[in-house]
């Protein structure tokens, strides 16, 4: 088992926002893949609130599109900076975090 130092890059987006004809979270995953980032995932929130302190929940009668999608990547610091730069160039409103991480793979197929 060999571990590598990397970062966890996490974006918080509105689920219905679009860019270049795609949902923003989908565009972000495609963009990261093109940059060679090793892995990424998107997760839809069940509930949450943001800067405006309005609580949104995944309920039957709530309007779609008001919840957050978290998109996260394991990347090198340089790749994370590059992806943040690409997103900034598109003038996308997104909250992000960069967290130091250790990446490792275990199991018989490693």
Protein backbone atom coordinates (compact mmCIF):
# COMPACT_ATOMS: atom_id res chain seq x y z
CA UNK A 1 0.00 0.00 0.00
CA UNK A 2 1.54 3.26 -1.15
CA UNK A 3 -0.09 6.56 -0.20
CA UNK A 4 0.30 9.83 -2.09
CA UNK A 5 -0.22 13.39 -0.95
CA UNK A 6 -2.94 15.24 -2.82
CA UNK A 7 -5.85 17.57 -2.13
CA UNK A 8 -9.56 17.10 -1.90
CA UNK A 9 -11.11 19.84 -4.06
CA UNK A 10 -14.78 20.29 -3.34
CA UNK A 11 -17.25 22.57 -5.16
CA UNK A 12 -20.75 23.45 -3.93
CA UNK A 13 -23.16 24.28 -6.78
CA UNK A 14 -26.87 24.77 -7.30
CA UNK A 15 -28.28 21.63 -8.89
CA UNK A 16 -30.09 23.42 -11.74
CA UNK A 17 -27.30 25.80 -12.86
CA UNK A 18 -26.05 25.25 -16.39
CA UNK A 19 -22.96 26.11 -18.41
CA UNK A 20 -22.45 25.53 -22.12
CA UNK A 21 -25.64 23.47 -22.40
CA UNK A 22 -24.80 21.10 -19.53
CA UNK A 23 -25.68 21.03 -15.88
CA UNK A 24 -22.82 22.78 -14.11
CA UNK A 25 -21.87 19.73 -12.03
CA UNK A 26 -21.73 17.63 -15.19
CA UNK A 27 -19.63 20.25 -17.01
CA UNK A 28 -17.26 20.37 -14.03
CA UNK A 29 -16.77 16.59 -14.03
CA UNK A 30 -16.06 16.61 -17.79
CA UNK A 31 -13.65 19.53 -17.46
CA UNK A 32 -11.74 17.84 -14.63
CA UNK A 33 -11.49 14.62 -16.62
CA UNK A 34 -10.03 16.54 -19.57
CA UNK A 35 -7.44 18.09 -17.23
CA UNK A 36 -6.33 14.60 -16.14
CA UNK A 37 -7.64 14.79 -12.59
CA UNK A 38 -7.61 11.26 -11.19
CA UNK A 39 -11.18 11.04 -9.92
CA UNK A 40 -14.32 13.00 -9.24
CA UNK A 41 -17.84 12.48 -7.95
CA UNK A 42 -21.05 14.51 -7.66
CA UNK A 43 -23.46 14.19 -4.72
CA UNK A 44 -26.91 15.76 -4.42
CA UNK A 45 -27.79 17.16 -1.01
CA UNK A 46 -30.79 15.95 0.98
CA UNK A 47 -31.03 19.22 2.89
CA UNK A 48 -28.96 22.29 3.63
CA UNK A 49 -28.66 26.04 3.83
CA UNK A 50 -26.19 28.58 2.56
CA UNK A 51 -25.22 32.20 3.06
CA UNK A 52 -28.85 33.37 2.94
CA UNK A 53 -29.77 31.01 5.82
CA UNK A 54 -32.73 29.55 3.91
CA UNK A 55 -33.20 25.85 4.68
CA UNK A 56 -33.88 23.71 1.61
CA UNK A 57 -34.99 20.12 1.93
CA UNK A 58 -35.64 17.34 -0.55
CA UNK A 59 -39.42 17.19 -0.19
CA UNK A 60 -42.09 16.14 -2.64
CA UNK A 61 -43.64 19.60 -2.94
CA UNK A 62 -40.45 21.68 -2.95
CA UNK A 63 -39.45 23.25 -6.23
CA UNK A 64 -36.71 21.32 -7.98
CA UNK A 65 -33.33 22.94 -8.43
CA UNK A 66 -32.98 24.61 -5.07
CA UNK A 67 -30.65 22.05 -3.49
CA UNK A 68 -26.87 21.89 -3.60
CA UNK A 69 -24.71 19.46 -5.53
CA UNK A 70 -21.29 18.77 -4.04
CA UNK A 71 -18.66 17.90 -6.65
CA UNK A 72 -15.36 16.65 -5.31
CA UNK A 73 -12.04 15.61 -6.78
CA UNK A 74 -8.80 14.01 -5.65
CA UNK A 75 -6.10 15.98 -7.41
CA UNK A 76 -2.60 17.32 -7.13
CA UNK A 77 -2.36 20.90 -5.86
CA UNK A 78 -1.40 22.05 -9.35
CA UNK A 79 -4.41 20.31 -10.91
CA UNK A 80 -6.72 21.82 -8.29
CA UNK A 81 -5.39 25.32 -8.99
CA UNK A 82 -5.80 24.71 -12.73
CA UNK A 83 -9.44 23.60 -12.36
CA UNK A 84 -10.24 26.54 -10.09
CA UNK A 85 -8.72 28.85 -12.72
CA UNK A 86 -10.82 27.28 -15.51
CA UNK A 87 -14.01 27.70 -13.46
CA UNK A 88 -13.09 31.31 -12.64
CA UNK A 89 -12.51 32.03 -16.34
CA UNK A 90 -16.11 30.96 -17.03
CA UNK A 91 -17.30 33.48 -14.39
CA UNK A 92 -19.18 30.71 -12.61
CA UNK A 93 -20.47 31.39 -9.10
CA UNK A 94 -19.31 28.49 -6.97
CA UNK A 95 -18.12 27.92 -3.44
CA UNK A 96 -15.10 25.65 -3.14
CA UNK A 97 -12.76 24.19 -0.55
CA UNK A 98 -9.29 22.71 -0.89
CA UNK A 99 -8.35 20.22 1.83
CA UNK A 100 -5.02 18.37 2.17
CA UNK A 101 -5.57 14.63 1.70
CA UNK A 102 -3.68 11.38 1.54
CA UNK A 103 -4.71 9.10 -1.31
CA UNK A 104 -4.14 5.37 -1.20
CA UNK A 105 -5.49 2.19 -2.73
CA UNK A 106 -5.83 -1.11 -0.88
CA UNK A 107 -6.92 -4.54 -1.94
CA UNK A 108 -5.86 -7.51 -4.03
CA UNK A 109 -5.98 -5.70 -7.39
CA UNK A 110 -3.54 -2.94 -6.41
